[in-house]
PDB file of N, CA and C in Angstrom:
ATOM      1  N   UNK A   1      -0.424  12.866  -2.986  1.00  0.00           N
ATOM      2  CA  UNK A   1      -0.248  12.314  -1.661  1.00  0.00           C
ATOM      3  C   UNK A   1      -0.855  10.913  -1.612  1.00  0.00           C
ATOM      4  N   UNK A   2      -0.619  10.199  -0.587  1.00  0.00           N
ATOM      5  CA  UNK A   2      -1.049   8.820  -0.454  1.00  0.00           C
ATOM      6  C   UNK A   2      -1.819   8.656   0.851  1.00  0.00           C
ATOM      7  N   UNK A   3      -2.626   7.612   0.894  1.00  0.00           N
ATOM      8  CA  UNK A   3      -3.432   7.324   2.081  1.00  0.00           C
ATOM      9  C   UNK A   3      -3.448   5.820   2.316  1.00  0.00           C
ATOM     10  N   UNK A   4      -3.959   5.434   3.447  1.00  0.00           N
ATOM     11  CA  UNK A   4      -4.056   4.031   3.815  1.00  0.00           C
ATOM     12  C   UNK A   4      -4.955   3.289   2.832  1.00  0.00           C
ATOM     13  N   UNK A   5      -4.468   2.193   2.278  1.00  0.00           N
ATOM     14  CA  UNK A   5      -5.250   1.395   1.337  1.00  0.00           C
ATOM     15  C   UNK A   5      -5.025   1.738  -0.125  1.00  0.00           C
ATOM     16  N   UNK A   6      -4.291   2.811  -0.412  1.00  0.00           N
ATOM     17  CA  UNK A   6      -4.010   3.185  -1.801  1.00  0.00           C
ATOM     18  C   UNK A   6      -3.090   2.162  -2.457  1.00  0.00           C
ATOM     19  N   UNK A   7      -3.224   2.013  -3.762  1.00  0.00           N
ATOM     20  CA  UNK A   7      -2.276   1.218  -4.539  1.00  0.00           C
ATOM     21  C   UNK A   7      -1.300   2.192  -5.175  1.00  0.00           C
ATOM     22  N   UNK A   8      -0.012   1.991  -4.901  1.00  0.00           N
ATOM     23  CA  UNK A   8       1.016   2.904  -5.393  1.00  0.00           C
ATOM     24  C   UNK A   8       1.977   2.168  -6.311  1.00  0.00           C
ATOM     25  N   UNK A   9       2.625   2.944  -7.164  1.00  0.00           N
ATOM     26  CA  UNK A   9       3.659   2.409  -8.047  1.00  0.00           C
ATOM     27  C   UNK A   9       4.997   2.904  -7.529  1.00  0.00           C
ATOM     28  N   UNK A  10       5.943   1.988  -7.391  1.00  0.00           N
ATOM     29  CA  UNK A  10       7.278   2.344  -6.935  1.00  0.00           C
ATOM     30  C   UNK A  10       8.194   2.482  -8.150  1.00  0.00           C
ATOM     31  N   UNK A  11       9.344   3.132  -7.955  1.00  0.00           N
ATOM     32  CA  UNK A  11      10.272   3.343  -9.065  1.00  0.00           C
ATOM     33  C   UNK A  11      10.914   2.037  -9.526  1.00  0.00           C
ATOM     34  N   UNK A  12      11.154   1.127  -8.583  1.00  0.00           N
ATOM     35  CA  UNK A  12      11.761  -0.159  -8.934  1.00  0.00           C
ATOM     36  C   UNK A  12      10.780  -1.286  -8.659  1.00  0.00           C
ATOM     37  N   UNK A  13      10.889  -2.344  -9.439  1.00  0.00           N
ATOM     38  CA  UNK A  13      10.016  -3.505  -9.284  1.00  0.00           C
ATOM     39  C   UNK A  13      10.412  -4.328  -8.063  1.00  0.00           C
ATOM     40  N   UNK A  14       9.458  -5.100  -7.573  1.00  0.00           N
ATOM     41  CA  UNK A  14       9.734  -6.081  -6.531  1.00  0.00           C
ATOM     42  C   UNK A  14      10.389  -7.291  -7.203  1.00  0.00           C
ATOM     43  N   UNK A  15      10.974  -8.162  -6.435  1.00  0.00           N
ATOM     44  CA  UNK A  15      11.651  -9.344  -6.980  1.00  0.00           C
ATOM     45  C   UNK A  15      10.712 -10.249  -7.785  1.00  0.00           C
ATOM     46  N   UNK A  16       9.414 -10.213  -7.483  1.00  0.00           N
ATOM     47  CA  UNK A  16       8.455 -11.059  -8.209  1.00  0.00           C
ATOM     48  C   UNK A  16       8.090 -10.460  -9.572  1.00  0.00           C
ATOM     49  N   UNK A  17       8.493  -9.223  -9.845  1.00  0.00           N
ATOM     50  CA  UNK A  17       8.276  -8.631 -11.163  1.00  0.00           C
ATOM     51  C   UNK A  17       7.193  -7.580 -11.246  1.00  0.00           C
ATOM     52  N   UNK A  18       6.489  -7.297 -10.163  1.00  0.00           N
ATOM     53  CA  UNK A  18       5.446  -6.271 -10.199  1.00  0.00           C
ATOM     54  C   UNK A  18       5.897  -5.039  -9.418  1.00  0.00           C
ATOM     55  N   UNK A  19       5.332  -3.895  -9.753  1.00  0.00           N
ATOM     56  CA  UNK A  19       5.647  -2.690  -8.986  1.00  0.00           C
ATOM     57  C   UNK A  19       4.380  -2.027  -8.446  1.00  0.00           C
ATOM     58  N   UNK A  20       3.340  -2.824  -8.223  1.00  0.00           N
ATOM     59  CA  UNK A  20       2.094  -2.352  -7.585  1.00  0.00           C
ATOM     60  C   UNK A  20       2.131  -2.764  -6.118  1.00  0.00           C
ATOM     61  N   UNK A  21       1.972  -1.800  -5.234  1.00  0.00           N
ATOM     62  CA  UNK A  21       2.010  -2.050  -3.803  1.00  0.00           C
ATOM     63  C   UNK A  21       0.815  -1.390  -3.130  1.00  0.00           C
ATOM     64  N   UNK A  22       0.327  -2.014  -2.071  1.00  0.00           N
ATOM     65  CA  UNK A  22      -0.752  -1.443  -1.262  1.00  0.00           C
ATOM     66  C   UNK A  22      -0.146  -0.820  -0.010  1.00  0.00           C
ATOM     67  N   UNK A  23      -0.586   0.381   0.349  1.00  0.00           N
ATOM     68  CA  UNK A  23      -0.153   1.026   1.586  1.00  0.00           C
ATOM     69  C   UNK A  23      -0.970   0.408   2.717  1.00  0.00           C
ATOM     70  N   UNK A  24      -0.290  -0.313   3.626  1.00  0.00           N
ATOM     71  CA  UNK A  24      -0.961  -1.045   4.686  1.00  0.00           C
ATOM     72  C   UNK A  24      -0.880  -0.305   6.021  1.00  0.00           C
ATOM     73  N   UNK A  25       0.200   0.443   6.254  1.00  0.00           N
ATOM     74  CA  UNK A  25       0.397   1.132   7.530  1.00  0.00           C
ATOM     75  C   UNK A  25       1.042   2.481   7.275  1.00  0.00           C
ATOM     76  N   UNK A  26       0.541   3.506   7.958  1.00  0.00           N
ATOM     77  CA  UNK A  26       1.117   4.844   7.873  1.00  0.00           C
ATOM     78  C   UNK A  26       1.565   5.283   9.257  1.00  0.00           C
ATOM     79  N   UNK A  27       2.670   5.971   9.312  1.00  0.00           N
ATOM     80  CA  UNK A  27       3.223   6.474  10.564  1.00  0.00           C
ATOM     81  C   UNK A  27       4.624   6.971  10.262  1.00  0.00           C
ATOM     82  N   UNK A  28       5.526   6.868  11.234  1.00  0.00           N
ATOM     83  CA  UNK A  28       6.919   7.225  10.968  1.00  0.00           C
ATOM     84  C   UNK A  28       7.493   6.284   9.917  1.00  0.00           C
ATOM     85  N   UNK A  29       7.050   5.026   9.980  1.00  0.00           N
ATOM     86  CA  UNK A  29       7.409   4.036   8.972  1.00  0.00           C
ATOM     87  C   UNK A  29       6.160   3.704   8.171  1.00  0.00           C
ATOM     88  N   UNK A  30       6.357   3.317   6.921  1.00  0.00           N
ATOM     89  CA  UNK A  30       5.234   2.966   6.057  1.00  0.00           C
ATOM     90  C   UNK A  30       5.402   1.521   5.611  1.00  0.00           C
ATOM     91  N   UNK A  31       4.364   0.713   5.846  1.00  0.00           N
ATOM     92  CA  UNK A  31       4.393  -0.687   5.419  1.00  0.00           C
ATOM     93  C   UNK A  31       3.610  -0.792   4.120  1.00  0.00           C
ATOM     94  N   UNK A  32       4.255  -1.371   3.117  1.00  0.00           N
ATOM     95  CA  UNK A  32       3.598  -1.609   1.837  1.00  0.00           C
ATOM     96  C   UNK A  32       3.604  -3.108   1.567  1.00  0.00           C
ATOM     97  N   UNK A  33       2.588  -3.563   0.838  1.00  0.00           N
ATOM     98  CA  UNK A  33       2.470  -4.985   0.519  1.00  0.00           C
ATOM     99  C   UNK A  33       2.442  -5.143  -0.987  1.00  0.00           C
ATOM    100  N   UNK A  34       3.255  -6.055  -1.498  1.00  0.00           N
ATOM    101  CA  UNK A  34       3.332  -6.328  -2.927  1.00  0.00           C
ATOM    102  C   UNK A  34       2.023  -6.954  -3.394  1.00  0.00           C
ATOM    103  N   UNK A  35       1.478  -6.460  -4.478  1.00  0.00           N
ATOM    104  CA  UNK A  35       0.237  -7.000  -5.018  1.00  0.00           C
ATOM    105  C   UNK A  35       0.483  -8.239  -5.866  1.00  0.00           C
ATOM    106  N   UNK A  36       1.735  -8.533  -6.184  1.00  0.00           N
ATOM    107  CA  UNK A  36       2.042  -9.724  -6.963  1.00  0.00           C
ATOM    108  C   UNK A  36       2.169 -10.969  -6.110  1.00  0.00           C
ATOM    109  N   UNK A  37       2.906 -10.848  -4.988  1.00  0.00           N
ATOM    110  CA  UNK A  37       3.166 -12.038  -4.168  1.00  0.00           C
ATOM    111  C   UNK A  37       2.699 -11.900  -2.726  1.00  0.00           C
ATOM    112  N   UNK A  38       2.321 -10.700  -2.289  1.00  0.00           N
ATOM    113  CA  UNK A  38       1.828 -10.509  -0.934  1.00  0.00           C
ATOM    114  C   UNK A  38       2.903 -10.222   0.101  1.00  0.00           C
ATOM    115  N   UNK A  39       4.154 -10.087  -0.311  1.00  0.00           N
ATOM    116  CA  UNK A  39       5.246  -9.813   0.613  1.00  0.00           C
ATOM    117  C   UNK A  39       5.138  -8.386   1.146  1.00  0.00           C
ATOM    118  N   UNK A  40       5.327  -8.206   2.458  1.00  0.00           N
ATOM    119  CA  UNK A  40       5.235  -6.884   3.079  1.00  0.00           C
ATOM    120  C   UNK A  40       6.628  -6.312   3.314  1.00  0.00           C
ATOM    121  N   UNK A  41       6.767  -4.998   3.089  1.00  0.00           N
ATOM    122  CA  UNK A  41       8.032  -4.294   3.257  1.00  0.00           C
ATOM    123  C   UNK A  41       7.780  -3.076   4.136  1.00  0.00           C
ATOM    124  N   UNK A  42       8.643  -2.849   5.133  1.00  0.00           N
ATOM    125  CA  UNK A  42       8.537  -1.694   6.013  1.00  0.00           C
ATOM    126  C   UNK A  42       9.640  -0.709   5.648  1.00  0.00           C
ATOM    127  N   UNK A  43       9.248   0.520   5.282  1.00  0.00           N
ATOM    128  CA  UNK A  43      10.200   1.549   4.875  1.00  0.00           C
ATOM    129  C   UNK A  43      10.035   2.788   5.741  1.00  0.00           C
ATOM    130  N   UNK A  44      11.127   3.476   6.069  1.00  0.00           N
ATOM    131  CA  UNK A  44      10.985   4.785   6.709  1.00  0.00           C
ATOM    132  C   UNK A  44      10.244   5.734   5.765  1.00  0.00           C
ATOM    133  N   UNK A  45       9.473   6.663   6.310  1.00  0.00           N
ATOM    134  CA  UNK A  45       8.648   7.560   5.502  1.00  0.00           C
ATOM    135  C   UNK A  45       9.482   8.297   4.448  1.00  0.00           C
ATOM    136  N   UNK A  46      10.620   8.797   4.831  1.00  0.00           N
ATOM    137  CA  UNK A  46      11.463   9.551   3.896  1.00  0.00           C
ATOM    138  C   UNK A  46      11.905   8.680   2.718  1.00  0.00           C
ATOM    139  N   UNK A  47      12.272   7.439   3.001  1.00  0.00           N
ATOM    140  CA  UNK A  47      12.694   6.514   1.940  1.00  0.00           C
ATOM    141  C   UNK A  47      11.517   6.154   1.033  1.00  0.00           C
ATOM    142  N   UNK A  48      10.330   5.940   1.630  1.00  0.00           N
ATOM    143  CA  UNK A  48       9.140   5.635   0.836  1.00  0.00           C
ATOM    144  C   UNK A  48       8.817   6.784  -0.110  1.00  0.00           C
ATOM    145  N   UNK A  49       8.847   8.016   0.400  1.00  0.00           N
ATOM    146  CA  UNK A  49       8.519   9.172  -0.431  1.00  0.00           C
ATOM    147  C   UNK A  49       9.515   9.341  -1.573  1.00  0.00           C
ATOM    148  N   UNK A  50      10.746   8.942  -1.343  1.00  0.00           N
ATOM    149  CA  UNK A  50      11.769   9.025  -2.380  1.00  0.00           C
ATOM    150  C   UNK A  50      11.589   7.939  -3.447  1.00  0.00           C
ATOM    151  N   UNK A  51      11.150   6.744  -3.034  1.00  0.00           N
ATOM    152  CA  UNK A  51      11.037   5.605  -3.949  1.00  0.00           C
ATOM    153  C   UNK A  51       9.677   5.479  -4.620  1.00  0.00           C
ATOM    154  N   UNK A  52       8.665   6.199  -4.114  1.00  0.00           N
ATOM    155  CA  UNK A  52       7.325   6.128  -4.700  1.00  0.00           C
ATOM    156  C   UNK A  52       7.283   6.937  -5.989  1.00  0.00           C
ATOM    157  N   UNK A  53       6.627   6.374  -6.993  1.00  0.00           N
ATOM    158  CA  UNK A  53       6.481   7.072  -8.269  1.00  0.00           C
ATOM    159  C   UNK A  53       5.150   7.806  -8.339  1.00  0.00           C
ATOM    160  N   UNK A  54       4.034   7.078  -8.109  1.00  0.00           N
ATOM    161  CA  UNK A  54       2.717   7.710  -8.147  1.00  0.00           C
ATOM    162  C   UNK A  54       1.681   6.806  -7.498  1.00  0.00           C
ATOM    163  N   UNK A  55       0.529   7.403  -7.190  1.00  0.00           N
ATOM    164  CA  UNK A  55      -0.612   6.642  -6.687  1.00  0.00           C
ATOM    165  C   UNK A  55      -1.393   6.153  -7.899  1.00  0.00           C
ATOM    166  N   UNK A  56      -1.550   4.841  -8.019  1.00  0.00           N
ATOM    167  CA  UNK A  56      -2.268   4.263  -9.154  1.00  0.00           C
ATOM    168  C   UNK A  56      -3.772   4.302  -8.942  1.00  0.00           C
ATOM    169  N   UNK A  57      -4.220   3.832  -7.779  1.00  0.00           N
ATOM    170  CA  UNK A  57      -5.648   3.748  -7.478  1.00  0.00           C
ATOM    171  C   UNK A  57      -5.854   4.181  -6.029  1.00  0.00           C
ATOM    172  N   UNK A  58      -6.789   5.102  -5.812  1.00  0.00           N
ATOM    173  CA  UNK A  58      -7.126   5.510  -4.448  1.00  0.00           C
ATOM    174  C   UNK A  58      -7.839   4.365  -3.739  1.00  0.00           C
ATOM    175  N   UNK A  59      -7.763   4.352  -2.422  1.00  0.00           N
ATOM    176  CA  UNK A  59      -8.339   3.256  -1.630  1.00  0.00           C
ATOM    177  C   UNK A  59      -9.826   3.062  -1.896  1.00  0.00           C
ATOM    178  N   UNK A  60     -10.547   4.147  -2.116  1.00  0.00           N
ATOM    179  CA  UNK A  60     -11.996   4.050  -2.331  1.00  0.00           C
ATOM    180  C   UNK A  60     -12.346   3.427  -3.683  1.00  0.00           C
ATOM    181  N   UNK A  61     -11.409   3.464  -4.635  1.00  0.00           N
ATOM    182  CA  UNK A  61     -11.684   3.004  -5.995  1.00  0.00           C
ATOM    183  C   UNK A  61     -11.108   1.625  -6.317  1.00  0.00           C
ATOM    184  N   UNK A  62     -10.502   0.948  -5.352  1.00  0.00           N
ATOM    185  CA  UNK A  62      -9.866  -0.344  -5.604  1.00  0.00           C
ATOM    186  C   UNK A  62     -10.927  -1.416  -5.836  1.00  0.00           C
ATOM    187  N   UNK A  63     -10.750  -2.186  -6.909  1.00  0.00           N
ATOM    188  CA  UNK A  63     -11.637  -3.314  -7.212  1.00  0.00           C
ATOM    189  C   UNK A  63     -11.050  -4.559  -6.549  1.00  0.00           C
ATOM    190  N   UNK A  64     -11.624  -4.973  -5.438  1.00  0.00           N
ATOM    191  CA  UNK A  64     -11.061  -6.084  -4.664  1.00  0.00           C
ATOM    192  C   UNK A  64     -11.190  -7.431  -5.367  1.00  0.00           C
ATOM    193  N   UNK A  65     -12.032  -7.531  -6.377  1.00  0.00           N
ATOM    194  CA  UNK A  65     -12.173  -8.805  -7.088  1.00  0.00           C
ATOM    195  C   UNK A  65     -10.986  -9.065  -8.007  1.00  0.00           C
ATOM    196  N   UNK A  66     -10.309  -8.022  -8.462  1.00  0.00           N
ATOM    197  CA  UNK A  66      -9.171  -8.197  -9.362  1.00  0.00           C
ATOM    198  C   UNK A  66      -7.833  -8.139  -8.634  1.00  0.00           C
ATOM    199  N   UNK A  67      -7.829  -7.797  -7.353  1.00  0.00           N
ATOM    200  CA  UNK A  67      -6.593  -7.707  -6.563  1.00  0.00           C
ATOM    201  C   UNK A  67      -6.602  -8.803  -5.500  1.00  0.00           C
ATOM    202  N   UNK A  68      -5.964  -9.951  -5.766  1.00  0.00           N
ATOM    203  CA  UNK A  68      -6.045 -11.076  -4.833  1.00  0.00           C
ATOM    204  C   UNK A  68      -5.360 -10.827  -3.489  1.00  0.00           C
ATOM    205  N   UNK A  69      -4.343  -9.980  -3.432  1.00  0.00           N
ATOM    206  CA  UNK A  69      -3.602  -9.748  -2.192  1.00  0.00           C
ATOM    207  C   UNK A  69      -4.033  -8.474  -1.480  1.00  0.00           C
ATOM    208  N   UNK A  70      -5.110  -7.825  -1.941  1.00  0.00           N
ATOM    209  CA  UNK A  70      -5.565  -6.586  -1.307  1.00  0.00           C
ATOM    210  C   UNK A  70      -6.194  -6.905   0.039  1.00  0.00           C
ATOM    211  N   UNK A  71      -5.818  -6.146   1.066  1.00  0.00           N
ATOM    212  CA  UNK A  71      -6.308  -6.365   2.424  1.00  0.00           C
ATOM    213  C   UNK A  71      -7.415  -5.360   2.727  1.00  0.00           C
ATOM    214  N   UNK A  72      -8.629  -5.856   2.964  1.00  0.00           N
ATOM    215  CA  UNK A  72      -9.726  -4.973   3.336  1.00  0.00           C
ATOM    216  C   UNK A  72      -9.492  -4.466   4.747  1.00  0.00           C
ATOM    217  N   UNK A  73      -9.629  -3.163   4.930  1.00  0.00           N
ATOM    218  CA  UNK A  73      -9.394  -2.562   6.233  1.00  0.00           C
ATOM    219  C   UNK A  73     -10.652  -2.682   7.079  1.00  0.00           C
ATOM    220  N   UNK A  74     -10.503  -3.241   8.252  1.00  0.00           N
ATOM    221  CA  UNK A  74     -11.642  -3.356   9.165  1.00  0.00           C
ATOM    222  C   UNK A  74     -11.306  -2.621  10.449  1.00  0.00           C
ATOM    223  N   UNK A  75     -12.293  -2.037  11.050  1.00  0.00           N
ATOM    224  CA  UNK A  75     -12.094  -1.283  12.276  1.00  0.00           C
ATOM    225  C   UNK A  75     -12.234  -2.212  13.479  1.00  0.00           C
ATOM    226  N   UNK A  76     -11.346  -2.036  14.440  1.00  0.00           N
ATOM    227  CA  UNK A  76     -11.433  -2.779  15.687  1.00  0.00           C
ATOM    228  C   UNK A  76     -12.419  -2.102  16.625  1.00  0.00           C
ATOM    229  N   UNK A  77     -12.658  -2.678  17.791  1.00  0.00           N
ATOM    230  CA  UNK A  77     -13.642  -2.116  18.718  1.00  0.00           C
ATOM    231  C   UNK A  77     -13.235  -0.764  19.296  1.00  0.00           C
ATOM    232  N   UNK A  78     -11.939  -0.463  19.335  1.00  0.00           N
ATOM    233  CA  UNK A  78     -11.478   0.792  19.930  1.00  0.00           C
ATOM    234  C   UNK A  78     -11.129   1.849  18.895  1.00  0.00           C
ATOM    235  N   UNK A  79     -11.374   1.610  17.628  1.00  0.00           N
ATOM    236  CA  UNK A  79     -11.044   2.567  16.582  1.00  0.00           C
ATOM    237  C   UNK A  79     -12.282   3.343  16.181  1.00  0.00           C
ATOM    238  N   UNK A  80     -12.095   4.633  15.961  1.00  0.00           N
ATOM    239  CA  UNK A  80     -13.199   5.495  15.547  1.00  0.00           C
ATOM    240  C   UNK A  80     -12.782   6.298  14.330  1.00  0.00           C
ATOM    241  N   UNK A  81     -13.744   6.881  13.653  1.00  0.00           N
ATOM    242  CA  UNK A  81     -13.455   7.758  12.520  1.00  0.00           C
ATOM    243  C   UNK A  81     -13.126   9.147  13.030  1.00  0.00           C
ATOM    244  N   UNK A  82     -12.077   9.722  12.537  1.00  0.00           N
ATOM    245  CA  UNK A  82     -11.720  11.106  12.881  1.00  0.00           C
ATOM    246  C   UNK A  82     -11.715  11.951  11.655  1.00  0.00           C
TER     247      UNK A  82
END
C-alpha cells in the first residue's frame, strides 16, 4: 500500500526519463510529482493503482538531501494528527 510522501515507481517512465514519483495528495484522486523534473500529475485512484508498480521508499525513510524535488509535508494551523 502507499501513503502520503512515499516515493513510488510507476510502470511507465515520465517524459523526462525517470519513473520515481512522490505521492503528494491522497483522496478520490491521487497527485504524484515527478522526482526528475518536478512536474505534478493528477490521476484517479483506480488509474493510479493500475499504473503503480511498487513503493520504493516509505515517507519516513526518504533522504531529502538526495531528492531535490521532494516536498516536505508541513501541517497547517487547522490540521491535527489522527
